[in-house]
Structure formats: C-alpha cells, structure tokens
Amino acid sequence: MILLALVSTLLEILGDYLFKLSYPVIGLVSYLLGIAPWFFILKEAELSRAIVIFTSLNVVGCVLVGRFLLGEVISVQQYIGILFCLIGIFFVG
C-alpha cells in the first residue's frame, strides 16, 4: 500500500511542478495518472489509514521538491514537520 501511495504522490507532485512551470495540460495528465493507484489503495485499505499516508507523503515530497528543484529554503520547523510525517507513516502504515 505504501508503494502505491508513493507512486500516486510522485505523480501528484509532478503535476504540481508542471503546473508551476506553466505546463498545465501535462500537469493535469500527471494528476489523472496519480488517481489510478488510489483505486487499488482504497480497495485494500481503510480510507482513514490511506489518507494519512498519502497526505504525509505529499507534504514531505512537496517540501523536498521545493528545496531541490525550486531552491526554496527549508526551516527547522519544516524539518521537524517532515520528521513527524515520517513517524506517522511508520505507525499508520
């Protein structure tokens, strides 16, 4: 389940990034492709577990893309938030 959530999250983050680069059609396709793993995730897992994992992966992924691809500065609070997200994934997943 976590692997499928990671694939879905990566496709959504790619869509976000493509929208930021002014490629809305390709970004939309990436979003739509990111929906497919959700069908399999929700078939096997409870929504309450799946949404925590997906949201946490999304937060971590967006912060890392902001840092490494967009040159944003990550604060100490964001690093702590990433740590809590990863701990949450460990306990829920």
PDB file of N, CA and C in Angstrom:
ATOM      1  N   MET A   1       0.827  -1.196   0.000  1.00  0.00           N
ATOM      2  CA  MET A   1       0.000   0.000   0.000  1.00  0.00           C
ATOM      3  C   MET A   1       0.868   1.254   0.000  1.00  0.00           C
ATOM      4  N   ILE A   2       1.932   1.252   0.776  1.00  0.00           N
ATOM      5  CA  ILE A   2       2.780   2.445   0.850  1.00  0.00           C
ATOM      6  C   ILE A   2       3.456   2.703  -0.493  1.00  0.00           C
ATOM      7  N   LEU A   3       3.827   1.649  -1.187  1.00  0.00           N
ATOM      8  CA  LEU A   3       4.460   1.817  -2.502  1.00  0.00           C
ATOM      9  C   LEU A   3       3.492   2.454  -3.498  1.00  0.00           C
ATOM     10  N   LEU A   4       2.240   1.998  -3.503  1.00  0.00           N
ATOM     11  CA  LEU A   4       1.240   2.608  -4.385  1.00  0.00           C
ATOM     12  C   LEU A   4       0.970   4.060  -3.998  1.00  0.00           C
ATOM     13  N   ALA A   5       0.928   4.333  -2.701  1.00  0.00           N
ATOM     14  CA  ALA A   5       0.735   5.715  -2.254  1.00  0.00           C
ATOM     15  C   ALA A   5       1.906   6.589  -2.680  1.00  0.00           C
ATOM     16  N   LEU A   6       3.100   6.024  -2.652  1.00  0.00           N
ATOM     17  CA  LEU A   6       4.278   6.773  -3.080  1.00  0.00           C
ATOM     18  C   LEU A   6       4.206   7.084  -4.575  1.00  0.00           C
ATOM     19  N   VAL A   7       3.789   6.121  -5.381  1.00  0.00           N
ATOM     20  CA  VAL A   7       3.638   6.353  -6.826  1.00  0.00           C
ATOM     21  C   VAL A   7       2.595   7.437  -7.084  1.00  0.00           C
ATOM     22  N   SER A   8       1.455   7.328  -6.406  1.00  0.00           N
ATOM     23  CA  SER A   8       0.395   8.320  -6.565  1.00  0.00           C
ATOM     24  C   SER A   8       0.880   9.709  -6.148  1.00  0.00           C
ATOM     25  N   THR A   9       1.600   9.759  -5.042  1.00  0.00           N
ATOM     26  CA  THR A   9       2.116  11.037  -4.552  1.00  0.00           C
ATOM     27  C   THR A   9       3.119  11.636  -5.524  1.00  0.00           C
ATOM     28  N   LEU A  10       4.012  10.810  -6.048  1.00  0.00           N
ATOM     29  CA  LEU A  10       5.002  11.319  -7.000  1.00  0.00           C
ATOM     30  C   LEU A  10       4.339  11.883  -8.255  1.00  0.00           C
ATOM     31  N   LEU A  11       3.293  11.215  -8.714  1.00  0.00           N
ATOM     32  CA  LEU A  11       2.576  11.733  -9.887  1.00  0.00           C
ATOM     33  C   LEU A  11       1.870  13.049  -9.571  1.00  0.00           C
ATOM     34  N   GLU A  12       1.322  13.171  -8.361  1.00  0.00           N
ATOM     35  CA  GLU A  12       0.677  14.432  -7.990  1.00  0.00           C
ATOM     36  C   GLU A  12       1.698  15.555  -7.842  1.00  0.00           C
ATOM     37  N   ILE A  13       2.826  15.253  -7.229  1.00  0.00           N
ATOM     38  CA  ILE A  13       3.875  16.272  -7.070  1.00  0.00           C
ATOM     39  C   ILE A  13       4.416  16.686  -8.439  1.00  0.00           C
ATOM     40  N   LEU A  14       4.573  15.723  -9.344  1.00  0.00           N
ATOM     41  CA  LEU A  14       4.989  16.051 -10.708  1.00  0.00           C
ATOM     42  C   LEU A  14       3.974  16.972 -11.358  1.00  0.00           C
ATOM     43  N   GLY A  15       2.691  16.698 -11.142  1.00  0.00           N
ATOM     44  CA  GLY A  15       1.651  17.578 -11.665  1.00  0.00           C
ATOM     45  C   GLY A  15       1.755  18.982 -11.097  1.00  0.00           C
ATOM     46  N   ASP A  16       1.991  19.083  -9.786  1.00  0.00           N
ATOM     47  CA  ASP A  16       2.178  20.397  -9.162  1.00  0.00           C
ATOM     48  C   ASP A  16       3.345  21.147  -9.793  1.00  0.00           C
ATOM     49  N   TYR A  17       4.448  20.432  -9.956  1.00  0.00           N
ATOM     50  CA  TYR A  17       5.653  21.032 -10.509  1.00  0.00           C
ATOM     51  C   TYR A  17       5.426  21.481 -11.959  1.00  0.00           C
ATOM     52  N   LEU A  18       4.747  20.651 -12.746  1.00  0.00           N
ATOM     53  CA  LEU A  18       4.477  21.015 -14.137  1.00  0.00           C
ATOM     54  C   LEU A  18       3.534  22.216 -14.239  1.00  0.00           C
ATOM     55  N   PHE A  19       2.558  22.303 -13.329  1.00  0.00           N
ATOM     56  CA  PHE A  19       1.705  23.492 -13.298  1.00  0.00           C
ATOM     57  C   PHE A  19       2.536  24.730 -12.982  1.00  0.00           C
ATOM     58  N   LYS A  20       3.471  24.600 -12.055  1.00  0.00           N
ATOM     59  CA  LYS A  20       4.328  25.730 -11.686  1.00  0.00           C
ATOM     60  C   LYS A  20       5.192  26.166 -12.870  1.00  0.00           C
ATOM     61  N   LEU A  21       5.592  25.211 -13.707  1.00  0.00           N
ATOM     62  CA  LEU A  21       6.408  25.530 -14.877  1.00  0.00           C
ATOM     63  C   LEU A  21       5.575  25.924 -16.095  1.00  0.00           C
ATOM     64  N   SER A  22       4.281  26.111 -15.898  1.00  0.00           N
ATOM     65  CA  SER A  22       3.351  26.522 -16.958  1.00  0.00           C
ATOM     66  C   SER A  22       3.139  25.449 -18.022  1.00  0.00           C
ATOM     67  N   TYR A  23       3.017  24.212 -17.582  1.00  0.00           N
ATOM     68  CA  TYR A  23       2.633  23.101 -18.446  1.00  0.00           C
ATOM     69  C   TYR A  23       1.348  22.482 -17.896  1.00  0.00           C
ATOM     70  N   PRO A  24       0.227  23.208 -17.977  1.00  0.00           N
ATOM     71  CA  PRO A  24      -0.988  22.739 -17.304  1.00  0.00           C
ATOM     72  C   PRO A  24      -1.570  21.449 -17.878  1.00  0.00           C
ATOM     73  N   VAL A  25      -1.470  21.231 -19.178  1.00  0.00           N
ATOM     74  CA  VAL A  25      -2.060  20.021 -19.767  1.00  0.00           C
ATOM     75  C   VAL A  25      -1.297  18.783 -19.298  1.00  0.00           C
ATOM     76  N   ILE A  26       0.031  18.848 -19.341  1.00  0.00           N
ATOM     77  CA  ILE A  26       0.842  17.715 -18.882  1.00  0.00           C
ATOM     78  C   ILE A  26       0.660  17.521 -17.374  1.00  0.00           C
ATOM     79  N   GLY A  27       0.544  18.631 -16.634  1.00  0.00           N
ATOM     80  CA  GLY A  27       0.295  18.540 -15.198  1.00  0.00           C
ATOM     81  C   GLY A  27      -1.028  17.857 -14.898  1.00  0.00           C
ATOM     82  N   LEU A  28      -2.051  18.182 -15.672  1.00  0.00           N
ATOM     83  CA  LEU A  28      -3.364  17.553 -15.484  1.00  0.00           C
ATOM     84  C   LEU A  28      -3.304  16.060 -15.784  1.00  0.00           C
ATOM     85  N   VAL A  29      -2.574  15.687 -16.830  1.00  0.00           N
ATOM     86  CA  VAL A  29      -2.409  14.263 -17.151  1.00  0.00           C
ATOM     87  C   VAL A  29      -1.705  13.545 -16.005  1.00  0.00           C
ATOM     88  N   SER A  30      -0.703  14.191 -15.434  1.00  0.00           N
ATOM     89  CA  SER A  30       0.000  13.593 -14.300  1.00  0.00           C
ATOM     90  C   SER A  30      -0.937  13.409 -13.110  1.00  0.00           C
ATOM     91  N   TYR A  31      -1.787  14.398 -12.836  1.00  0.00           N
ATOM     92  CA  TYR A  31      -2.788  14.261 -11.771  1.00  0.00           C
ATOM     93  C   TYR A  31      -3.714  13.079 -12.034  1.00  0.00           C
ATOM     94  N   LEU A  32      -4.187  12.976 -13.266  1.00  0.00           N
ATOM     95  CA  LEU A  32      -5.116  11.900 -13.612  1.00  0.00           C
ATOM     96  C   LEU A  32      -4.455  10.527 -13.491  1.00  0.00           C
ATOM     97  N   LEU A  33      -3.197  10.423 -13.894  1.00  0.00           N
ATOM     98  CA  LEU A  33      -2.481   9.164 -13.731  1.00  0.00           C
ATOM     99  C   LEU A  33      -2.272   8.835 -12.245  1.00  0.00           C
ATOM    100  N   GLY A  34      -2.160   9.865 -11.426  1.00  0.00           N
ATOM    101  CA  GLY A  34      -1.985   9.664  -9.990  1.00  0.00           C
ATOM    102  C   GLY A  34      -3.230   9.136  -9.302  1.00  0.00           C
ATOM    103  N   ILE A  35      -4.374   9.253  -9.962  1.00  0.00           N
ATOM    104  CA  ILE A  35      -5.622   8.747  -9.380  1.00  0.00           C
ATOM    105  C   ILE A  35      -5.677   7.223  -9.453  1.00  0.00           C
ATOM    106  N   ALA A  36      -5.097   6.634 -10.491  1.00  0.00           N
ATOM    107  CA  ALA A  36      -5.180   5.185 -10.705  1.00  0.00           C
ATOM    108  C   ALA A  36      -4.694   4.366  -9.507  1.00  0.00           C
ATOM    109  N   PRO A  37      -3.535   4.681  -8.920  1.00  0.00           N
ATOM    110  CA  PRO A  37      -3.124   3.896  -7.751  1.00  0.00           C
ATOM    111  C   PRO A  37      -4.099   4.004  -6.574  1.00  0.00           C
ATOM    112  N   TRP A  38      -4.824   5.113  -6.501  1.00  0.00           N
ATOM    113  CA  TRP A  38      -5.795   5.286  -5.416  1.00  0.00           C
ATOM    114  C   TRP A  38      -6.891   4.234  -5.468  1.00  0.00           C
ATOM    115  N   PHE A  39      -7.297   3.836  -6.657  1.00  0.00           N
ATOM    116  CA  PHE A  39      -8.332   2.809  -6.773  1.00  0.00           C
ATOM    117  C   PHE A  39      -7.883   1.512  -6.108  1.00  0.00           C
ATOM    118  N   PHE A  40      -6.629   1.156  -6.324  1.00  0.00           N
ATOM    119  CA  PHE A  40      -6.103  -0.067  -5.720  1.00  0.00           C
ATOM    120  C   PHE A  40      -5.882   0.098  -4.219  1.00  0.00           C
ATOM    121  N   ILE A  41      -5.423   1.280  -3.818  1.00  0.00           N
ATOM    122  CA  ILE A  41      -5.189   1.530  -2.393  1.00  0.00           C
ATOM    123  C   ILE A  41      -6.502   1.454  -1.624  1.00  0.00           C
ATOM    124  N   LEU A  42      -7.524   2.132  -2.119  1.00  0.00           N
ATOM    125  CA  LEU A  42      -8.798   2.176  -1.391  1.00  0.00           C
ATOM    126  C   LEU A  42      -9.536   0.840  -1.443  1.00  0.00           C
ATOM    127  N   LYS A  43      -9.190   0.007  -2.409  1.00  0.00           N
ATOM    128  CA  LYS A  43      -9.782  -1.325  -2.465  1.00  0.00           C
ATOM    129  C   LYS A  43      -9.240  -2.203  -1.336  1.00  0.00           C
ATOM    130  N   GLU A  44      -7.994  -1.979  -0.954  1.00  0.00           N
ATOM    131  CA  GLU A  44      -7.328  -2.826   0.039  1.00  0.00           C
ATOM    132  C   GLU A  44      -7.270  -2.221   1.444  1.00  0.00           C
ATOM    133  N   ALA A  45      -7.257  -0.920   1.558  1.00  0.00           N
ATOM    134  CA  ALA A  45      -7.019  -0.279   2.859  1.00  0.00           C
ATOM    135  C   ALA A  45      -8.191   0.604   3.252  1.00  0.00           C
ATOM    136  N   GLU A  46      -8.248   0.892   4.527  1.00  0.00           N
ATOM    137  CA  GLU A  46      -9.256   1.831   5.036  1.00  0.00           C
ATOM    138  C   GLU A  46      -8.865   3.244   4.630  1.00  0.00           C
ATOM    139  N   LEU A  47      -9.873   4.056   4.368  1.00  0.00           N
ATOM    140  CA  LEU A  47      -9.631   5.438   3.962  1.00  0.00           C
ATOM    141  C   LEU A  47      -8.853   6.202   5.026  1.00  0.00           C
ATOM    142  N   SER A  48      -9.169   5.974   6.293  1.00  0.00           N
ATOM    143  CA  SER A  48      -8.503   6.710   7.373  1.00  0.00           C
ATOM    144  C   SER A  48      -7.000   6.428   7.411  1.00  0.00           C
ATOM    145  N   ARG A  49      -6.590   5.225   7.063  1.00  0.00           N
ATOM    146  CA  ARG A  49      -5.162   4.906   7.009  1.00  0.00           C
ATOM    147  C   ARG A  49      -4.535   5.450   5.728  1.00  0.00           C
ATOM    148  N   ALA A  50      -5.224   5.261   4.619  1.00  0.00           N
ATOM    149  CA  ALA A  50      -4.670   5.659   3.330  1.00  0.00           C
ATOM    150  C   ALA A  50      -4.470   7.170   3.236  1.00  0.00           C
ATOM    151  N   ILE A  51      -5.417   7.932   3.748  1.00  0.00           N
ATOM    152  CA  ILE A  51      -5.320   9.392   3.622  1.00  0.00           C
ATOM    153  C   ILE A  51      -4.181   9.958   4.460  1.00  0.00           C
ATOM    154  N   VAL A  52      -3.913   9.341   5.611  1.00  0.00           N
ATOM    155  CA  VAL A  52      -2.787   9.796   6.438  1.00  0.00           C
ATOM    156  C   VAL A  52      -1.478   9.553   5.712  1.00  0.00           C
ATOM    157  N   ILE A  53      -1.334   8.384   5.132  1.00  0.00           N
ATOM    158  CA  ILE A  53      -0.098   8.060   4.417  1.00  0.00           C
ATOM    159  C   ILE A  53       0.064   8.966   3.201  1.00  0.00           C
ATOM    160  N   PHE A  54      -0.999   9.113   2.419  1.00  0.00           N
ATOM    161  CA  PHE A  54      -0.929   9.940   1.211  1.00  0.00           C
ATOM    162  C   PHE A  54      -0.611  11.395   1.542  1.00  0.00           C
ATOM    163  N   THR A  55      -1.303  11.939   2.524  1.00  0.00           N
ATOM    164  CA  THR A  55      -1.087  13.346   2.886  1.00  0.00           C
ATOM    165  C   THR A  55       0.322  13.571   3.411  1.00  0.00           C
ATOM    166  N   SER A  56       0.803  12.653   4.243  1.00  0.00           N
ATOM    167  CA  SER A  56       2.158  12.800   4.788  1.00  0.00           C
ATOM    168  C   SER A  56       3.201  12.716   3.681  1.00  0.00           C
ATOM    169  N   LEU A  57       3.050  11.756   2.774  1.00  0.00           N
ATOM    170  CA  LEU A  57       3.984  11.657   1.655  1.00  0.00           C
ATOM    171  C   LEU A  57       3.937  12.903   0.778  1.00  0.00           C
ATOM    172  N   ASN A  58       2.757  13.455   0.602  1.00  0.00           N
ATOM    173  CA  ASN A  58       2.596  14.660  -0.203  1.00  0.00           C
ATOM    174  C   ASN A  58       3.315  15.846   0.441  1.00  0.00           C
ATOM    175  N   VAL A  59       3.168  16.001   1.739  1.00  0.00           N
ATOM    176  CA  VAL A  59       3.841  17.099   2.437  1.00  0.00           C
ATOM    177  C   VAL A  59       5.349  16.961   2.303  1.00  0.00           C
ATOM    178  N   VAL A  60       5.860  15.775   2.587  1.00  0.00           N
ATOM    179  CA  VAL A  60       7.311  15.546   2.511  1.00  0.00           C
ATOM    180  C   VAL A  60       7.797  15.765   1.077  1.00  0.00           C
ATOM    181  N   GLY A  61       7.094  15.216   0.110  1.00  0.00           N
ATOM    182  CA  GLY A  61       7.504  15.357  -1.284  1.00  0.00           C
ATOM    183  C   GLY A  61       7.500  16.792  -1.772  1.00  0.00           C
ATOM    184  N   CYS A  62       6.463  17.538  -1.421  1.00  0.00           N
ATOM    185  CA  CYS A  62       6.381  18.937  -1.854  1.00  0.00           C
ATOM    186  C   CYS A  62       7.487  19.783  -1.239  1.00  0.00           C
ATOM    187  N   VAL A  63       7.807  19.534   0.011  1.00  0.00           N
ATOM    188  CA  VAL A  63       8.899  20.286   0.656  1.00  0.00           C
ATOM    189  C   VAL A  63      10.228  19.951  -0.023  1.00  0.00           C
ATOM    190  N   LEU A  64      10.452  18.681  -0.323  1.00  0.00           N
ATOM    191  CA  LEU A  64      11.711  18.290  -0.963  1.00  0.00           C
ATOM    192  C   LEU A  64      11.817  18.819  -2.388  1.00  0.00           C
ATOM    193  N   VAL A  65      10.725  18.807  -3.132  1.00  0.00           N
ATOM    194  CA  VAL A  65      10.739  19.384  -4.483  1.00  0.00           C
ATOM    195  C   VAL A  65      10.997  20.891  -4.400  1.00  0.00           C
ATOM    196  N   GLY A  66      10.366  21.543  -3.446  1.00  0.00           N
ATOM    197  CA  GLY A  66      10.608  22.970  -3.265  1.00  0.00           C
ATOM    198  C   GLY A  66      12.067  23.262  -2.968  1.00  0.00           C
ATOM    199  N   ARG A  67      12.668  22.414  -2.165  1.00  0.00           N
ATOM    200  CA  ARG A  67      14.064  22.621  -1.785  1.00  0.00           C
ATOM    201  C   ARG A  67      15.011  22.347  -2.949  1.00  0.00           C
ATOM    202  N   PHE A  68      14.874  21.186  -3.576  1.00  0.00           N
ATOM    203  CA  PHE A  68      15.880  20.759  -4.545  1.00  0.00           C
ATOM    204  C   PHE A  68      15.615  21.224  -5.971  1.00  0.00           C
ATOM    205  N   LEU A  69      14.372  21.444  -6.339  1.00  0.00           N
ATOM    206  CA  LEU A  69      14.090  21.873  -7.711  1.00  0.00           C
ATOM    207  C   LEU A  69      13.778  23.361  -7.824  1.00  0.00           C
ATOM    208  N   LEU A  70      13.223  23.919  -6.763  1.00  0.00           N
ATOM    209  CA  LEU A  70      12.845  25.334  -6.830  1.00  0.00           C
ATOM    210  C   LEU A  70      13.743  26.236  -5.983  1.00  0.00           C
ATOM    211  N   GLY A  71      14.680  25.646  -5.252  1.00  0.00           N
ATOM    212  CA  GLY A  71      15.639  26.425  -4.484  1.00  0.00           C
ATOM    213  C   GLY A  71      15.072  27.093  -3.244  1.00  0.00           C
ATOM    214  N   GLU A  72      13.976  26.578  -2.711  1.00  0.00           N
ATOM    215  CA  GLU A  72      13.385  27.164  -1.503  1.00  0.00           C
ATOM    216  C   GLU A  72      14.204  26.776  -0.280  1.00  0.00           C
ATOM    217  N   VAL A  73      14.145  27.614   0.731  1.00  0.00           N
ATOM    218  CA  VAL A  73      14.840  27.348   1.987  1.00  0.00           C
ATOM    219  C   VAL A  73      13.891  26.592   2.917  1.00  0.00           C
ATOM    220  N   ILE A  74      14.395  25.515   3.527  1.00  0.00           N
ATOM    221  CA  ILE A  74      13.585  24.725   4.460  1.00  0.00           C
ATOM    222  C   ILE A  74      13.951  25.142   5.869  1.00  0.00           C
ATOM    223  N   SER A  75      12.941  25.512   6.643  1.00  0.00           N
ATOM    224  CA  SER A  75      13.170  25.949   8.019  1.00  0.00           C
ATOM    225  C   SER A  75      13.267  24.754   8.956  1.00  0.00           C
ATOM    226  N   VAL A  76      13.711  25.018  10.170  1.00  0.00           N
ATOM    227  CA  VAL A  76      13.794  23.982  11.197  1.00  0.00           C
ATOM    228  C   VAL A  76      12.409  23.406  11.466  1.00  0.00           C
ATOM    229  N   GLN A  77      11.387  24.257  11.496  1.00  0.00           N
ATOM    230  CA  GLN A  77      10.022  23.779  11.724  1.00  0.00           C
ATOM    231  C   GLN A  77       9.587  22.807  10.626  1.00  0.00           C
ATOM    232  N   GLN A  78       9.986  23.070   9.391  1.00  0.00           N
ATOM    233  CA  GLN A  78       9.635  22.169   8.293  1.00  0.00           C
ATOM    234  C   GLN A  78      10.354  20.829   8.429  1.00  0.00           C
ATOM    235  N   TYR A  79      11.615  20.861   8.846  1.00  0.00           N
ATOM    236  CA  TYR A  79      12.330  19.604   9.081  1.00  0.00           C
ATOM    237  C   TYR A  79      11.655  18.801  10.191  1.00  0.00           C
ATOM    238  N   ILE A  80      11.226  19.467  11.233  1.00  0.00           N
ATOM    239  CA  ILE A  80      10.512  18.788  12.320  1.00  0.00           C
ATOM    240  C   ILE A  80       9.190  18.228  11.810  1.00  0.00           C
ATOM    241  N   GLY A  81       8.483  18.980  10.980  1.00  0.00           N
ATOM    242  CA  GLY A  81       7.243  18.509  10.393  1.00  0.00           C
ATOM    243  C   GLY A  81       7.458  17.281   9.518  1.00  0.00           C
ATOM    244  N   ILE A  82       8.540  17.283   8.739  1.00  0.00           N
ATOM    245  CA  ILE A  82       8.867  16.116   7.921  1.00  0.00           C
ATOM    246  C   ILE A  82       9.116  14.909   8.807  1.00  0.00           C
ATOM    247  N   LEU A  83       9.840  15.110   9.886  1.00  0.00           N
ATOM    248  CA  LEU A  83      10.110  14.011  10.818  1.00  0.00           C
ATOM    249  C   LEU A  83       8.815  13.440  11.383  1.00  0.00           C
ATOM    250  N   PHE A  84       7.895  14.315  11.796  1.00  0.00           N
ATOM    251  CA  PHE A  84       6.613  13.844  12.328  1.00  0.00           C
ATOM    252  C   PHE A  84       5.797  13.111  11.257  1.00  0.00           C
ATOM    253  N   CYS A  85       5.841  13.607  10.026  1.00  0.00           N
ATOM    254  CA  CYS A  85       5.136  12.919   8.931  1.00  0.00           C
ATOM    255  C   CYS A  85       5.684  11.507   8.739  1.00  0.00           C
ATOM    256  N   LEU A  86       7.005  11.380   8.734  1.00  0.00           N
ATOM    257  CA  LEU A  86       7.616  10.063   8.546  1.00  0.00           C
ATOM    258  C   LEU A  86       7.300   9.127   9.713  1.00  0.00           C
ATOM    259  N   ILE A  87       7.288   9.669  10.919  1.00  0.00           N
ATOM    260  CA  ILE A  87       6.905   8.861  12.086  1.00  0.00           C
ATOM    261  C   ILE A  87       5.457   8.416  11.950  1.00  0.00           C
ATOM    262  N   GLY A  88       4.579   9.304  11.502  1.00  0.00           N
ATOM    263  CA  GLY A  88       3.173   8.954  11.304  1.00  0.00           C
ATOM    264  C   GLY A  88       2.999   7.862  10.261  1.00  0.00           C
ATOM    265  N   ILE A  89       3.757   7.940   9.174  1.00  0.00           N
ATOM    266  CA  ILE A  89       3.690   6.904   8.145  1.00  0.00           C
ATOM    267  C   ILE A  89       4.125   5.568   8.733  1.00  0.00           C
ATOM    268  N   PHE A  90       5.171   5.595   9.538  1.00  0.00           N
ATOM    269  CA  PHE A  90       5.674   4.366  10.152  1.00  0.00           C
ATOM    270  C   PHE A  90       4.607   3.716  11.033  1.00  0.00           C
ATOM    271  N   PHE A  91       3.922   4.529  11.857  1.00  0.00           N
ATOM    272  CA  PHE A  91       2.929   3.972  12.774  1.00  0.00           C
ATOM    273  C   PHE A  91       1.622   3.582  12.092  1.00  0.00           C
ATOM    274  N   VAL A  92       1.199   4.349  11.107  1.00  0.00           N
ATOM    275  CA  VAL A  92      -0.085   4.078  10.445  1.00  0.00           C
ATOM    276  C   VAL A  92       0.086   3.007   9.373  1.00  0.00           C
ATOM    277  N   GLY A  93       1.211   3.053   8.641  1.00  0.00           N
ATOM    278  CA  GLY A  93       1.415   2.154   7.519  1.00  0.00           C
ATOM    279  C   GLY A  93       1.729   0.778   7.968  1.00  0.00           C
TER     280      GLY A  93
END
